[in-house]
Amino acid sequence: MSEEHESGLTLASVQRHIRALYGAKDAARGDLATFVWLVEEVGELATALRSGTREELAFEMADVLAWLATLANLRGIELEDAFVRKYGRVCPDCGLNPCACDPAEKP
């Protein structure tokens, strides 16, 4: 993930930013309650996909990313490292880039 947005954000910097903003509150809440919030935000994302504006959809995606970063922080997972290890060069299932997996299958 060497490409950065104009703001300089990377997955690693997103995690650091969320940790700085909410670290103490997140630690007090714990990972199970944080997971519940993440799932709630995924539900709100589903609603925005069906009937939300583009801005609502973008904000719900940002919320999902923030709660995922929170959960990763609580569990000591570096999302950027994990993403690169799993998806950095080729599809983790078929080993090709671009992916040649059956479209009916995951991913």
Protein backbone atom coordinates (compact mmCIF):
# COMPACT_ATOMS: atom_id res chain seq x y z
CA MET A 1 0.00 0.00 0.00
CA SER A 2 2.60 2.51 -0.99
CA GLU A 3 0.13 4.78 -2.78
CA GLU A 4 -1.19 7.55 -0.56
CA HIS A 5 -4.19 9.81 -0.90
CA GLU A 6 -3.57 13.54 -1.29
CA SER A 7 -4.03 13.85 2.47
CA GLY A 8 -1.17 11.40 3.02
CA LEU A 9 -3.45 8.81 4.64
CA THR A 10 -2.50 5.17 4.58
CA LEU A 11 -4.17 2.33 6.45
CA ALA A 12 -1.41 2.63 9.05
CA SER A 13 -2.00 6.35 9.47
CA VAL A 14 -5.76 5.77 9.72
CA GLN A 15 -5.12 3.39 12.61
CA ARG A 16 -2.79 5.87 14.31
CA HIS A 17 -5.33 8.67 13.87
CA ILE A 18 -8.19 6.60 15.32
CA ARG A 19 -5.93 5.48 18.20
CA ALA A 20 -5.03 9.10 18.98
CA LEU A 21 -8.65 10.26 18.82
CA TYR A 22 -10.35 7.42 20.67
CA GLY A 23 -7.72 5.04 22.10
CA ALA A 24 -8.64 5.36 25.78
CA LYS A 25 -12.39 5.15 25.09
CA ASP A 26 -11.86 2.18 22.78
CA ALA A 27 -9.76 0.33 25.34
CA ALA A 28 -12.42 0.87 28.00
CA ARG A 29 -15.17 -0.38 25.65
CA GLY A 30 -13.29 -3.53 24.66
CA ASP A 31 -13.21 -5.56 21.49
CA LEU A 32 -16.58 -7.30 21.75
CA ALA A 33 -18.55 -4.06 22.16
CA THR A 34 -16.43 -2.53 19.40
CA PHE A 35 -17.33 -5.41 17.12
CA VAL A 36 -21.03 -4.76 17.79
CA TRP A 37 -20.53 -1.12 16.74
CA LEU A 38 -18.70 -2.27 13.60
CA VAL A 39 -21.58 -4.56 12.66
CA GLU A 40 -24.08 -1.76 13.30
CA GLU A 41 -22.11 0.48 10.95
CA VAL A 42 -22.08 -2.26 8.29
CA GLY A 43 -25.88 -2.32 8.60
CA GLU A 44 -26.00 1.44 8.11
CA LEU A 45 -23.75 1.03 5.07
CA ALA A 46 -26.24 -1.50 3.66
CA THR A 47 -29.05 1.02 4.11
CA ALA A 48 -27.01 3.75 2.43
CA LEU A 49 -26.27 1.41 -0.50
CA ARG A 50 -29.99 0.90 -1.01
CA SER A 51 -31.29 4.40 -0.57
CA GLY A 52 -28.66 6.85 0.60
CA THR A 53 -27.05 9.75 -1.16
CA ARG A 54 -23.47 9.51 -2.39
CA GLU A 55 -22.34 11.54 0.63
CA GLU A 56 -24.23 9.29 3.08
CA LEU A 57 -22.67 6.25 1.42
CA ALA A 58 -19.19 7.76 1.68
CA PHE A 59 -19.66 8.63 5.36
CA GLU A 60 -20.94 5.14 6.18
CA MET A 61 -17.91 3.64 4.43
CA ALA A 62 -15.70 5.95 6.52
CA ASP A 63 -17.50 4.80 9.68
CA VAL A 64 -16.93 1.13 8.80
CA LEU A 65 -13.24 1.80 8.19
CA ALA A 66 -12.93 3.71 11.48
CA TRP A 67 -14.56 0.92 13.51
CA LEU A 68 -12.46 -1.73 11.73
CA ALA A 69 -9.34 0.30 12.56
CA THR A 70 -10.51 0.50 16.17
CA LEU A 71 -10.97 -3.26 16.37
CA ALA A 72 -7.57 -3.84 14.77
CA ASN A 73 -5.98 -1.44 17.26
CA LEU A 74 -7.57 -3.25 20.19
CA ARG A 75 -6.29 -6.60 18.92
CA GLY A 76 -2.83 -5.38 17.93
CA ILE A 77 -3.33 -6.00 14.21
CA GLU A 78 -1.67 -3.67 11.71
CA LEU A 79 -4.25 -3.54 8.91
CA GLU A 80 -1.86 -2.27 6.25
CA ASP A 81 0.61 -5.09 6.90
CA ALA A 82 -2.16 -7.69 6.95
CA PHE A 83 -3.67 -6.34 3.73
CA VAL A 84 -0.35 -6.34 1.89
CA ARG A 85 0.48 -9.85 3.09
CA LYS A 86 -2.87 -11.19 1.89
CA TYR A 87 -3.71 -9.07 -1.19
CA GLY A 88 -0.48 -7.24 -2.03
CA ARG A 89 0.47 -8.87 -5.32
CA VAL A 90 -1.97 -11.54 -6.47
CA CYS A 91 -5.34 -13.02 -5.63
CA PRO A 92 -4.87 -15.15 -2.51
CA ASP A 93 -7.05 -17.89 -4.00
CA CYS A 94 -5.97 -18.32 -7.63
CA GLY A 95 -2.56 -16.65 -7.36
CA LEU A 96 -3.15 -14.44 -10.41
CA ASN A 97 -3.35 -10.71 -11.09
CA PRO A 98 -5.95 -9.96 -12.19
CA CYS A 99 -7.97 -12.58 -10.37
CA ALA A 100 -9.25 -15.47 -12.51
CA CYS A 101 -11.46 -17.10 -9.87
CA ASP A 102 -14.96 -18.15 -10.81
CA PRO A 103 -17.12 -14.98 -10.53
CA ALA A 104 -19.72 -16.95 -8.56
CA GLU A 105 -17.15 -17.70 -5.86
CA LYS A 106 -15.50 -15.53 -3.23
CA PRO A 107 -13.67 -13.11 -3.49
